[in-house]
PDB file of N, CA and C in Angstrom:
ATOM      1  N   MET A   1     -96.455  41.814 -80.028  1.00  0.00           N
ATOM      2  CA  MET A   1     -95.434  40.898 -80.483  1.00  0.00           C
ATOM      3  C   MET A   1     -95.890  40.332 -81.837  1.00  0.00           C
ATOM      4  N   ASP A   2     -94.978  40.303 -82.770  1.00  0.00           N
ATOM      5  CA  ASP A   2     -95.335  39.806 -84.096  1.00  0.00           C
ATOM      6  C   ASP A   2     -95.384  38.274 -84.103  1.00  0.00           C
ATOM      7  N   ALA A   3     -96.014  37.716 -85.110  1.00  0.00           N
ATOM      8  CA  ALA A   3     -96.255  36.273 -85.187  1.00  0.00           C
ATOM      9  C   ALA A   3     -94.963  35.457 -85.260  1.00  0.00           C
ATOM     10  N   ILE A   4     -93.968  35.961 -85.939  1.00  0.00           N
ATOM     11  CA  ILE A   4     -92.709  35.216 -86.075  1.00  0.00           C
ATOM     12  C   ILE A   4     -91.989  35.129 -84.736  1.00  0.00           C
ATOM     13  N   THR A   5     -91.903  36.240 -84.023  1.00  0.00           N
ATOM     14  CA  THR A   5     -91.259  36.245 -82.705  1.00  0.00           C
ATOM     15  C   THR A   5     -92.000  35.325 -81.746  1.00  0.00           C
ATOM     16  N   ARG A   6     -93.324  35.396 -81.758  1.00  0.00           N
ATOM     17  CA  ARG A   6     -94.128  34.545 -80.881  1.00  0.00           C
ATOM     18  C   ARG A   6     -93.870  33.062 -81.176  1.00  0.00           C
ATOM     19  N   GLU A   7     -93.790  32.700 -82.440  1.00  0.00           N
ATOM     20  CA  GLU A   7     -93.561  31.302 -82.813  1.00  0.00           C
ATOM     21  C   GLU A   7     -92.155  30.845 -82.433  1.00  0.00           C
ATOM     22  N   VAL A   8     -91.166  31.708 -82.567  1.00  0.00           N
ATOM     23  CA  VAL A   8     -89.800  31.361 -82.158  1.00  0.00           C
ATOM     24  C   VAL A   8     -89.753  31.116 -80.651  1.00  0.00           C
ATOM     25  N   ILE A   9     -90.404  31.965 -79.879  1.00  0.00           N
ATOM     26  CA  ILE A   9     -90.438  31.789 -78.422  1.00  0.00           C
ATOM     27  C   ILE A   9     -91.180  30.509 -78.056  1.00  0.00           C
ATOM     28  N   ARG A  10     -92.325  30.267 -78.689  1.00  0.00           N
ATOM     29  CA  ARG A  10     -93.107  29.061 -78.404  1.00  0.00           C
ATOM     30  C   ARG A  10     -92.299  27.799 -78.720  1.00  0.00           C
ATOM     31  N   ALA A  11     -91.634  27.784 -79.860  1.00  0.00           N
ATOM     32  CA  ALA A  11     -90.835  26.619 -80.248  1.00  0.00           C
ATOM     33  C   ALA A  11     -89.661  26.409 -79.289  1.00  0.00           C
ATOM     34  N   SER A  12     -89.053  27.491 -78.824  1.00  0.00           N
ATOM     35  CA  SER A  12     -87.941  27.377 -77.876  1.00  0.00           C
ATOM     36  C   SER A  12     -88.415  26.815 -76.543  1.00  0.00           C
ATOM     37  N   LEU A  13     -89.536  27.321 -76.037  1.00  0.00           N
ATOM     38  CA  LEU A  13     -90.072  26.809 -74.774  1.00  0.00           C
ATOM     39  C   LEU A  13     -90.463  25.343 -74.899  1.00  0.00           C
ATOM     40  N   LEU A  14     -91.042  24.977 -76.019  1.00  0.00           N
ATOM     41  CA  LEU A  14     -91.411  23.583 -76.241  1.00  0.00           C
ATOM     42  C   LEU A  14     -90.169  22.689 -76.279  1.00  0.00           C
ATOM     43  N   ALA A  15     -89.115  23.163 -76.903  1.00  0.00           N
ATOM     44  CA  ALA A  15     -87.863  22.397 -76.938  1.00  0.00           C
ATOM     45  C   ALA A  15     -87.291  22.232 -75.529  1.00  0.00           C
ATOM     46  N   TYR A  16     -87.366  23.279 -74.694  1.00  0.00           N
ATOM     47  CA  TYR A  16     -86.902  23.173 -73.304  1.00  0.00           C
ATOM     48  C   TYR A  16     -87.718  22.130 -72.546  1.00  0.00           C
ATOM     49  N   ALA A  17     -89.036  22.183 -72.689  1.00  0.00           N
ATOM     50  CA  ALA A  17     -89.905  21.230 -71.992  1.00  0.00           C
ATOM     51  C   ALA A  17     -89.623  19.801 -72.445  1.00  0.00           C
ATOM     52  N   ASP A  18     -89.450  19.603 -73.730  1.00  0.00           N
ATOM     53  CA  ASP A  18     -89.137  18.266 -74.241  1.00  0.00           C
ATOM     54  C   ASP A  18     -87.795  17.774 -73.715  1.00  0.00           C
ATOM     55  N   GLU A  19     -86.824  18.649 -73.653  1.00  0.00           N
ATOM     56  CA  GLU A  19     -85.498  18.271 -73.145  1.00  0.00           C
ATOM     57  C   GLU A  19     -85.560  17.941 -71.655  1.00  0.00           C
ATOM     58  N   MET A  20     -86.321  18.714 -70.880  1.00  0.00           N
ATOM     59  CA  MET A  20     -86.486  18.403 -69.458  1.00  0.00           C
ATOM     60  C   MET A  20     -87.138  17.037 -69.280  1.00  0.00           C
ATOM     61  N   THR A  21     -88.129  16.739 -70.114  1.00  0.00           N
ATOM     62  CA  THR A  21     -88.798  15.442 -70.047  1.00  0.00           C
ATOM     63  C   THR A  21     -87.821  14.312 -70.327  1.00  0.00           C
ATOM     64  N   LYS A  22     -87.037  14.448 -71.371  1.00  0.00           N
ATOM     65  CA  LYS A  22     -86.070  13.403 -71.724  1.00  0.00           C
ATOM     66  C   LYS A  22     -85.035  13.209 -70.621  1.00  0.00           C
ATOM     67  N   ASN A  23     -84.545  14.302 -70.042  1.00  0.00           N
ATOM     68  CA  ASN A  23     -83.553  14.195 -68.969  1.00  0.00           C
ATOM     69  C   ASN A  23     -84.148  13.559 -67.724  1.00  0.00           C
ATOM     70  N   PHE A  24     -85.367  13.952 -67.365  1.00  0.00           N
ATOM     71  CA  PHE A  24     -86.023  13.368 -66.192  1.00  0.00           C
ATOM     72  C   PHE A  24     -86.244  11.878 -66.402  1.00  0.00           C
ATOM     73  N   TRP A  25     -86.761  11.519 -67.563  1.00  0.00           N
ATOM     74  CA  TRP A  25     -87.043  10.114 -67.847  1.00  0.00           C
ATOM     75  C   TRP A  25     -85.766   9.284 -67.852  1.00  0.00           C
ATOM     76  N   ARG A  26     -84.721   9.809 -68.464  1.00  0.00           N
ATOM     77  CA  ARG A  26     -83.458   9.080 -68.576  1.00  0.00           C
ATOM     78  C   ARG A  26     -82.783   8.897 -67.211  1.00  0.00           C
ATOM     79  N   SER A  27     -82.933   9.855 -66.322  1.00  0.00           N
ATOM     80  CA  SER A  27     -82.247   9.786 -65.031  1.00  0.00           C
ATOM     81  C   SER A  27     -83.126   9.231 -63.914  1.00  0.00           C
ATOM     82  N   SER A  28     -84.361   8.895 -64.219  1.00  0.00           N
ATOM     83  CA  SER A  28     -85.282   8.414 -63.198  1.00  0.00           C
ATOM     84  C   SER A  28     -85.001   6.956 -62.854  1.00  0.00           C
ATOM     85  N   TYR A  29     -85.051   6.665 -61.551  1.00  0.00           N
ATOM     86  CA  TYR A  29     -84.853   5.296 -61.103  1.00  0.00           C
ATOM     87  C   TYR A  29     -86.154   4.656 -60.645  1.00  0.00           C
ATOM     88  N   GLY A  30     -87.209   5.450 -60.544  1.00  0.00           N
ATOM     89  CA  GLY A  30     -88.489   4.913 -60.102  1.00  0.00           C
ATOM     90  C   GLY A  30     -89.235   4.236 -61.243  1.00  0.00           C
ATOM     91  N   TYR A  31     -89.834   3.096 -60.939  1.00  0.00           N
ATOM     92  CA  TYR A  31     -90.559   2.338 -61.955  1.00  0.00           C
ATOM     93  C   TYR A  31     -91.665   3.174 -62.596  1.00  0.00           C
ATOM     94  N   MET A  32     -92.454   3.870 -61.799  1.00  0.00           N
ATOM     95  CA  MET A  32     -93.583   4.638 -62.334  1.00  0.00           C
ATOM     96  C   MET A  32     -93.108   5.751 -63.256  1.00  0.00           C
ATOM     97  N   ASN A  33     -91.982   6.324 -62.966  1.00  0.00           N
ATOM     98  CA  ASN A  33     -91.462   7.381 -63.829  1.00  0.00           C
ATOM     99  C   ASN A  33     -90.790   6.817 -65.074  1.00  0.00           C
ATOM    100  N   TYR A  34     -90.001   5.781 -64.893  1.00  0.00           N
ATOM    101  CA  TYR A  34     -89.219   5.264 -66.015  1.00  0.00           C
ATOM    102  C   TYR A  34     -90.069   4.434 -66.979  1.00  0.00           C
ATOM    103  N   GLU A  35     -90.840   3.507 -66.450  1.00  0.00           N
ATOM    104  CA  GLU A  35     -91.609   2.609 -67.315  1.00  0.00           C
ATOM    105  C   GLU A  35     -92.971   3.180 -67.712  1.00  0.00           C
ATOM    106  N   VAL A  36     -93.691   3.741 -66.757  1.00  0.00           N
ATOM    107  CA  VAL A  36     -95.062   4.193 -67.004  1.00  0.00           C
ATOM    108  C   VAL A  36     -95.106   5.658 -67.429  1.00  0.00           C
ATOM    109  N   ARG A  37     -94.029   6.376 -67.148  1.00  0.00           N
ATOM    110  CA  ARG A  37     -93.953   7.822 -67.434  1.00  0.00           C
ATOM    111  C   ARG A  37     -95.075   8.585 -66.722  1.00  0.00           C
ATOM    112  N   ASP A  38     -95.181   8.321 -65.447  1.00  0.00           N
ATOM    113  CA  ASP A  38     -96.215   8.910 -64.600  1.00  0.00           C
ATOM    114  C   ASP A  38     -95.715  10.240 -64.037  1.00  0.00           C
ATOM    115  N   PHE A  39     -95.535  11.223 -64.907  1.00  0.00           N
ATOM    116  CA  PHE A  39     -95.093  12.549 -64.502  1.00  0.00           C
ATOM    117  C   PHE A  39     -95.491  13.538 -65.585  1.00  0.00           C
ATOM    118  N   ALA A  40     -95.390  14.808 -65.251  1.00  0.00           N
ATOM    119  CA  ALA A  40     -95.737  15.857 -66.210  1.00  0.00           C
ATOM    120  C   ALA A  40     -94.637  16.903 -66.239  1.00  0.00           C
ATOM    121  N   VAL A  41     -94.400  17.454 -67.415  1.00  0.00           N
ATOM    122  CA  VAL A  41     -93.442  18.540 -67.586  1.00  0.00           C
ATOM    123  C   VAL A  41     -94.096  19.600 -68.451  1.00  0.00           C
ATOM    124  N   GLY A  42     -94.005  20.830 -67.989  1.00  0.00           N
ATOM    125  CA  GLY A  42     -94.565  21.928 -68.768  1.00  0.00           C
ATOM    126  C   GLY A  42     -94.237  23.254 -68.116  1.00  0.00           C
ATOM    127  N   PHE A  43     -94.693  24.318 -68.725  1.00  0.00           N
ATOM    128  CA  PHE A  43     -94.517  25.661 -68.186  1.00  0.00           C
ATOM    129  C   PHE A  43     -95.869  26.190 -67.745  1.00  0.00           C
ATOM    130  N   VAL A  44     -95.892  26.769 -66.543  1.00  0.00           N
ATOM    131  CA  VAL A  44     -97.121  27.280 -65.953  1.00  0.00           C
ATOM    132  C   VAL A  44     -96.867  28.707 -65.503  1.00  0.00           C
ATOM    133  N   ASP A  45     -97.846  29.596 -65.711  1.00  0.00           N
ATOM    134  CA  ASP A  45     -97.682  30.969 -65.238  1.00  0.00           C
ATOM    135  C   ASP A  45     -98.046  31.051 -63.755  1.00  0.00           C
ATOM    136  N   PRO A  46     -97.776  32.170 -63.077  1.00  0.00           N
ATOM    137  CA  PRO A  46     -98.029  32.271 -61.634  1.00  0.00           C
ATOM    138  C   PRO A  46     -99.490  32.071 -61.235  1.00  0.00           C
ATOM    139  N   GLU A  47    -100.415  32.263 -62.162  1.00  0.00           N
ATOM    140  CA  GLU A  47    -101.829  32.053 -61.862  1.00  0.00           C
ATOM    141  C   GLU A  47    -102.239  30.591 -62.025  1.00  0.00           C
ATOM    142  N   GLY A  48    -101.317  29.742 -62.427  1.00  0.00           N
ATOM    143  CA  GLY A  48    -101.607  28.326 -62.570  1.00  0.00           C
ATOM    144  C   GLY A  48    -102.104  27.918 -63.944  1.00  0.00           C
ATOM    145  N   ARG A  49    -102.038  28.813 -64.896  1.00  0.00           N
ATOM    146  CA  ARG A  49    -102.466  28.474 -66.260  1.00  0.00           C
ATOM    147  C   ARG A  49    -101.311  27.801 -66.990  1.00  0.00           C
ATOM    148  N   ILE A  50    -101.612  26.712 -67.655  1.00  0.00           N
ATOM    149  CA  ILE A  50    -100.583  25.975 -68.387  1.00  0.00           C
ATOM    150  C   ILE A  50    -100.236  26.735 -69.658  1.00  0.00           C
ATOM    151  N   VAL A  51     -98.970  27.089 -69.797  1.00  0.00           N
ATOM    152  CA  VAL A  51     -98.496  27.796 -70.984  1.00  0.00           C
ATOM    153  C   VAL A  51     -98.260  26.792 -72.103  1.00  0.00           C
ATOM    154  N   LEU A  52     -97.566  25.712 -71.794  1.00  0.00           N
ATOM    155  CA  LEU A  52     -97.375  24.619 -72.742  1.00  0.00           C
ATOM    156  C   LEU A  52     -96.887  23.403 -71.995  1.00  0.00           C
ATOM    157  N   GLN A  53     -97.025  22.268 -72.633  1.00  0.00           N
ATOM    158  CA  GLN A  53     -96.552  21.021 -72.045  1.00  0.00           C
ATOM    159  C   GLN A  53     -95.611  20.335 -73.012  1.00  0.00           C
ATOM    160  N   SER A  54     -94.815  19.460 -72.471  1.00  0.00           N
ATOM    161  CA  SER A  54     -93.915  18.662 -73.298  1.00  0.00           C
ATOM    162  C   SER A  54     -94.733  17.743 -74.197  1.00  0.00           C
ATOM    163  N   ARG A  55     -94.200  17.465 -75.354  1.00  0.00           N
ATOM    164  CA  ARG A  55     -94.876  16.544 -76.274  1.00  0.00           C
ATOM    165  C   ARG A  55     -94.753  15.098 -75.820  1.00  0.00           C
ATOM    166  N   PHE A  56     -93.927  14.842 -74.808  1.00  0.00           N
ATOM    167  CA  PHE A  56     -93.672  13.473 -74.374  1.00  0.00           C
ATOM    168  C   PHE A  56     -94.318  13.129 -73.037  1.00  0.00           C
ATOM    169  N   THR A  57     -95.162  13.999 -72.502  1.00  0.00           N
ATOM    170  CA  THR A  57     -95.881  13.685 -71.271  1.00  0.00           C
ATOM    171  C   THR A  57     -97.370  13.611 -71.576  1.00  0.00           C
ATOM    172  N   HIS A  58     -98.080  12.886 -70.738  1.00  0.00           N
ATOM    173  CA  HIS A  58     -99.506  12.661 -70.951  1.00  0.00           C
ATOM    174  C   HIS A  58    -100.307  13.879 -70.491  1.00  0.00           C
ATOM    175  N   PRO A  59    -101.265  14.335 -71.288  1.00  0.00           N
ATOM    176  CA  PRO A  59    -102.058  15.521 -70.925  1.00  0.00           C
ATOM    177  C   PRO A  59    -102.819  15.371 -69.610  1.00  0.00           C
ATOM    178  N   ALA A  60    -103.201  14.154 -69.250  1.00  0.00           N
ATOM    179  CA  ALA A  60    -103.931  13.953 -67.997  1.00  0.00           C
ATOM    180  C   ALA A  60    -103.085  14.357 -66.797  1.00  0.00           C
ATOM    181  N   PHE A  61    -101.794  14.114 -66.856  1.00  0.00           N
ATOM    182  CA  PHE A  61    -100.915  14.507 -65.761  1.00  0.00           C
ATOM    183  C   PHE A  61    -100.649  16.009 -65.797  1.00  0.00           C
ATOM    184  N   THR A  62    -100.544  16.562 -66.967  1.00  0.00           N
ATOM    185  CA  THR A  62    -100.277  17.992 -67.108  1.00  0.00           C
ATOM    186  C   THR A  62    -101.448  18.823 -66.620  1.00  0.00           C
ATOM    187  N   ALA A  63    -102.658  18.295 -66.708  1.00  0.00           N
ATOM    188  CA  ALA A  63    -103.847  19.039 -66.286  1.00  0.00           C
ATOM    189  C   ALA A  63    -103.766  19.448 -64.816  1.00  0.00           C
ATOM    190  N   ASP A  64    -103.152  18.635 -63.979  1.00  0.00           N
ATOM    191  CA  ASP A  64    -103.029  18.942 -62.549  1.00  0.00           C
ATOM    192  C   ASP A  64    -101.853  19.847 -62.230  1.00  0.00           C
ATOM    193  N   LEU A  65    -100.957  20.022 -63.159  1.00  0.00           N
ATOM    194  CA  LEU A  65     -99.736  20.784 -62.919  1.00  0.00           C
ATOM    195  C   LEU A  65    -100.032  22.229 -62.514  1.00  0.00           C
ATOM    196  N   GLY A  66    -100.997  22.852 -63.146  1.00  0.00           N
ATOM    197  CA  GLY A  66    -101.339  24.240 -62.843  1.00  0.00           C
ATOM    198  C   GLY A  66    -101.797  24.443 -61.412  1.00  0.00           C
ATOM    199  N   PHE A  67    -102.627  23.522 -60.905  1.00  0.00           N
ATOM    200  CA  PHE A  67    -103.119  23.627 -59.533  1.00  0.00           C
ATOM    201  C   PHE A  67    -101.979  23.511 -58.528  1.00  0.00           C
ATOM    202  N   VAL A  68    -101.067  22.605 -58.794  1.00  0.00           N
ATOM    203  CA  VAL A  68     -99.929  22.395 -57.893  1.00  0.00           C
ATOM    204  C   VAL A  68     -99.045  23.636 -57.847  1.00  0.00           C
ATOM    205  N   VAL A  69     -98.735  24.194 -58.999  1.00  0.00           N
ATOM    206  CA  VAL A  69     -97.884  25.387 -59.048  1.00  0.00           C
ATOM    207  C   VAL A  69     -98.586  26.566 -58.396  1.00  0.00           C
ATOM    208  N   LYS A  70     -99.871  26.748 -58.658  1.00  0.00           N
ATOM    209  CA  LYS A  70    -100.628  27.860 -58.058  1.00  0.00           C
ATOM    210  C   LYS A  70    -100.602  27.756 -56.541  1.00  0.00           C
ATOM    211  N   ASP A  71    -100.845  26.565 -55.996  1.00  0.00           N
ATOM    212  CA  ASP A  71    -100.805  26.380 -54.545  1.00  0.00           C
ATOM    213  C   ASP A  71     -99.411  26.636 -53.983  1.00  0.00           C
ATOM    214  N   ALA A  72     -98.376  26.193 -54.685  1.00  0.00           N
ATOM    215  CA  ALA A  72     -97.006  26.424 -54.221  1.00  0.00           C
ATOM    216  C   ALA A  72     -96.673  27.909 -54.222  1.00  0.00           C
ATOM    217  N   VAL A  73     -97.103  28.626 -55.247  1.00  0.00           N
ATOM    218  CA  VAL A  73     -96.858  30.072 -55.316  1.00  0.00           C
ATOM    219  C   VAL A  73     -97.615  30.781 -54.200  1.00  0.00           C
ATOM    220  N   ASP A  74     -98.852  30.372 -53.948  1.00  0.00           N
ATOM    221  CA  ASP A  74     -99.652  30.996 -52.889  1.00  0.00           C
ATOM    222  C   ASP A  74     -99.064  30.749 -51.505  1.00  0.00           C
ATOM    223  N   GLU A  75     -98.416  29.602 -51.299  1.00  0.00           N
ATOM    224  CA  GLU A  75     -97.832  29.267 -49.998  1.00  0.00           C
ATOM    225  C   GLU A  75     -96.583  30.090 -49.690  1.00  0.00           C
ATOM    226  N   GLN A  76     -95.868  30.497 -50.719  1.00  0.00           N
ATOM    227  CA  GLN A  76     -94.638  31.255 -50.528  1.00  0.00           C
ATOM    228  C   GLN A  76     -94.962  32.718 -50.256  1.00  0.00           C
ATOM    229  N   GLU A  77     -94.262  33.308 -49.329  1.00  0.00           N
ATOM    230  CA  GLU A  77     -94.466  34.727 -49.064  1.00  0.00           C
ATOM    231  C   GLU A  77     -93.840  35.576 -50.154  1.00  0.00           C
ATOM    232  N   VAL A  78     -92.648  35.201 -50.556  1.00  0.00           N
ATOM    233  CA  VAL A  78     -91.938  35.960 -51.584  1.00  0.00           C
ATOM    234  C   VAL A  78     -91.239  34.972 -52.515  1.00  0.00           C
ATOM    235  N   ILE A  79     -91.446  35.147 -53.801  1.00  0.00           N
ATOM    236  CA  ILE A  79     -90.712  34.370 -54.794  1.00  0.00           C
ATOM    237  C   ILE A  79     -89.863  35.353 -55.574  1.00  0.00           C
ATOM    238  N   GLU A  80     -88.575  35.107 -55.561  1.00  0.00           N
ATOM    239  CA  GLU A  80     -87.637  36.016 -56.204  1.00  0.00           C
ATOM    240  C   GLU A  80     -86.992  35.348 -57.410  1.00  0.00           C
ATOM    241  N   PRO A  81     -86.407  36.138 -58.300  1.00  0.00           N
ATOM    242  CA  PRO A  81     -85.699  35.545 -59.436  1.00  0.00           C
ATOM    243  C   PRO A  81     -84.630  34.567 -58.947  1.00  0.00           C
ATOM    244  N   GLY A  82     -84.569  33.424 -59.590  1.00  0.00           N
ATOM    245  CA  GLY A  82     -83.615  32.402 -59.203  1.00  0.00           C
ATOM    246  C   GLY A  82     -84.194  31.335 -58.295  1.00  0.00           C
ATOM    247  N   ASP A  83     -85.404  31.547 -57.773  1.00  0.00           N
ATOM    248  CA  ASP A  83     -86.030  30.553 -56.906  1.00  0.00           C
ATOM    249  C   ASP A  83     -86.514  29.336 -57.679  1.00  0.00           C
ATOM    250  N   VAL A  84     -86.752  29.490 -58.945  1.00  0.00           N
ATOM    251  CA  VAL A  84     -87.293  28.375 -59.729  1.00  0.00           C
ATOM    252  C   VAL A  84     -86.319  28.039 -60.822  1.00  0.00           C
TER     253      VAL A  84
END
């Protein structure tokens, strides 16, 4: 993959993550989510490696995201397109 295509994909994924963060924060009714922003948003591969995180979430919360996704994937017998 050439550098320009890779950067376009990276920027698009980052924009999606940022938009998910804004929507979650705006629609959250919990104090910890709304005021403290105690949540993480990002993209993780099936092995639990963090692909990228939103620019509006704290890295300390994102660090645990990979472990959670990896455990969830391992618990499922079959994950098919459309499940996530």
